[in-house]
C-alpha atoms as a PDB file:
ATOM      1  CA  MET A   1      -0.907  39.123 -54.079  1.00  0.00           C
ATOM      2  CA  GLY A   2      -0.903  42.916 -53.780  1.00  0.00           C
ATOM      3  CA  ILE A   3      -4.173  43.007 -51.829  1.00  0.00           C
ATOM      4  CA  TRP A   4      -2.411  41.467 -48.917  1.00  0.00           C
ATOM      5  CA  ILE A   5       0.460  43.656 -49.085  1.00  0.00           C
ATOM      6  CA  GLU A   6      -1.881  46.569 -48.875  1.00  0.00           C
ATOM      7  CA  LEU A   7      -4.043  45.043 -46.234  1.00  0.00           C
ATOM      8  CA  GLY A   8      -0.730  44.626 -44.200  1.00  0.00           C
ATOM      9  CA  VAL A   9       0.145  48.183 -44.556  1.00  0.00           C
ATOM     10  CA  PHE A  10      -3.236  49.028 -43.510  1.00  0.00           C
ATOM     11  CA  LEU A  11      -3.226  47.160 -40.364  1.00  0.00           C
ATOM     12  CA  LEU A  12       0.200  48.521 -39.590  1.00  0.00           C
ATOM     13  CA  ALA A  13      -0.876  52.187 -39.924  1.00  0.00           C
ATOM     14  CA  LEU A  14      -4.179  51.071 -37.864  1.00  0.00           C
ATOM     15  CA  ALA A  15      -2.202  49.632 -35.121  1.00  0.00           C
ATOM     16  CA  TRP A  16       0.116  52.485 -35.007  1.00  0.00           C
ATOM     17  CA  GLY A  17      -2.838  54.922 -34.781  1.00  0.00           C
ATOM     18  CA  LEU A  18      -4.343  53.087 -31.999  1.00  0.00           C
ATOM     19  CA  TRP A  19      -1.060  52.989 -30.103  1.00  0.00           C
ATOM     20  CA  GLN A  20      -0.894  56.667 -30.289  1.00  0.00           C
ATOM     21  CA  LEU A  21      -4.327  57.164 -29.016  1.00  0.00           C
ATOM     22  CA  HIS A  22      -3.313  54.974 -26.030  1.00  0.00           C
ATOM     23  CA  ASP A  23      -0.345  57.005 -25.322  1.00  0.00           C
ATOM     24  CA  LEU A  24      -2.288  60.269 -25.626  1.00  0.00           C
ATOM     25  CA  LYS A  25      -4.945  58.954 -23.247  1.00  0.00           C
ATOM     26  CA  GLN A  26      -2.091  58.044 -20.554  1.00  0.00           C
ATOM     27  CA  GLU A  27      -0.362  61.552 -21.062  1.00  0.00           C
ATOM     28  CA  ARG A  28      -3.846  63.080 -20.488  1.00  0.00           C
ATOM     29  CA  ARG A  29      -4.540  61.079 -17.415  1.00  0.00           C
ATOM     30  CA  THR A  30      -0.978  62.034 -16.059  1.00  0.00           C
ATOM     31  CA  ARG A  31      -1.693  65.614 -16.655  1.00  0.00           C
ATOM     32  CA  GLU A  32      -5.023  65.967 -15.000  1.00  0.00           C
ATOM     33  CA  GLN A  33      -3.755  63.993 -11.872  1.00  0.00           C
ATOM     34  CA  ARG A  34      -0.901  66.586 -11.744  1.00  0.00           C
ATOM     35  CA  GLN A  35      -3.324  69.590 -12.119  1.00  0.00           C
ATOM     36  CA  ARG A  36      -5.413  67.964  -9.239  1.00  0.00           C
ATOM     37  CA  GLU A  37      -2.508  67.652  -6.995  1.00  0.00           C
ATOM     38  CA  GLU A  38      -1.379  71.189  -7.535  1.00  0.00           C
ATOM     39  CA  ALA A  39      -5.042  72.361  -7.259  1.00  0.00           C
ATOM     40  CA  ALA A  40      -5.193  70.437  -3.888  1.00  0.00           C
ATOM     41  CA  GLY A  41      -1.958  71.954  -2.670  1.00  0.00           C
ATOM     42  CA  ALA A  42      -2.858  75.395  -3.587  1.00  0.00           C
ATOM     43  CA  ALA A  43      -6.226  74.868  -1.790  1.00  0.00           C
ATOM     44  CA  ARG A  44      -4.550  73.330   1.336  1.00  0.00           C
ATOM     45  CA  LEU A  45      -2.144  76.488   1.303  1.00  0.00           C
ATOM     46  CA  ALA A  46      -5.045  78.863   1.008  1.00  0.00           C
ATOM     47  CA  ALA A  47      -6.883  77.204   3.847  1.00  0.00           C
ATOM     48  CA  ASN A  48      -4.037  77.121   6.010  1.00  0.00           C
ATOM     49  CA  PRO A  49      -1.197  79.639   5.069  1.00  0.00           C
ATOM     50  CA  ALA A  50       0.629  78.971   8.071  1.00  0.00           C
ATOM     51  CA  ALA A  51       1.361  75.177   7.384  1.00  0.00           C
ATOM     52  CA  PRO A  52       4.627  74.495   5.887  1.00  0.00           C
ATOM     53  CA  PRO A  53       4.593  73.500   2.310  1.00  0.00           C
ATOM     54  CA  ALA A  54       4.498  70.100   0.893  1.00  0.00           C
ATOM     55  CA  ALA A  55       8.177  68.936   0.238  1.00  0.00           C
ATOM     56  CA  ALA A  56       9.600  70.379  -2.869  1.00  0.00           C
ATOM     57  CA  PRO A  57      11.413  68.193  -5.330  1.00  0.00           C
ATOM     58  CA  SER A  58      15.380  68.943  -4.590  1.00  0.00           C
ATOM     59  CA  ALA A  59      17.692  70.214  -7.217  1.00  0.00           C
ATOM     60  CA  PRO A  60      19.688  67.987  -9.137  1.00  0.00           C
ATOM     61  CA  ALA A  61      23.230  67.234  -7.833  1.00  0.00           C
ATOM     62  CA  ALA A  62      25.794  69.755  -9.418  1.00  0.00           C
ATOM     63  CA  PRO A  63      28.283  68.118 -11.740  1.00  0.00           C
ATOM     64  CA  ILE A  64      31.596  66.756 -10.446  1.00  0.00           C
ATOM     65  CA  ALA A  65      33.693  69.459 -11.945  1.00  0.00           C
ATOM     66  CA  ASP A  66      31.274  72.125  -9.971  1.00  0.00           C
ATOM     67  CA  GLN A  67      32.162  70.382  -6.805  1.00  0.00           C
ATOM     68  CA  GLY A  68      35.763  71.249  -6.521  1.00  0.00           C
ATOM     69  CA  GLN A  69      36.819  67.971  -7.552  1.00  0.00           C
ATOM     70  CA  PRO A  70      39.047  67.421 -10.475  1.00  0.00           C
ATOM     71  CA  THR A  71      37.436  66.107 -13.652  1.00  0.00           C
ATOM     72  CA  PRO A  72      38.267  62.307 -14.167  1.00  0.00           C
ATOM     73  CA  THR A  73      40.286  61.437 -16.912  1.00  0.00           C
ATOM     74  CA  PHE A  74      41.015  58.313 -18.863  1.00  0.00           C
ATOM     75  CA  GLY A  75      44.187  56.346 -19.101  1.00  0.00           C
ATOM     76  CA  THR A  76      46.961  56.396 -16.783  1.00  0.00           C
ATOM     77  CA  PRO A  77      47.443  59.452 -14.337  1.00  0.00           C
ATOM     78  CA  LYS A  78      50.389  61.474 -14.712  1.00  0.00           C
ATOM     79  CA  PRO A  79      52.866  61.437 -11.692  1.00  0.00           C
ATOM     80  CA  PRO A  80      53.024  64.651  -9.799  1.00  0.00           C
ATOM     81  CA  SER A  81      55.859  66.925 -10.940  1.00  0.00           C
ATOM     82  CA  PRO A  82      58.700  67.426  -8.511  1.00  0.00           C
ATOM     83  CA  ASP A  83      58.206  71.361  -8.824  1.00  0.00           C
ATOM     84  CA  ALA A  84      54.784  71.133  -7.126  1.00  0.00           C
END
């Protein structure tokens, strides 16, 4: 009976290792693709420096508090004071 438990643990470890190798190959392909695109962009820029650069990724939007808007609160809003 114990041999089946050991075999099951071995198969789980083997499946996990194969999964990790698969993820590693995917990341390697992604990294190489990104490097090829960057090299192509650099070569294009070197060949024609007057050409506009490719669209750069835009910066993420500023948080709500940085846009001059009040920070949202939870619950019932307070009524404005008569002094204001």
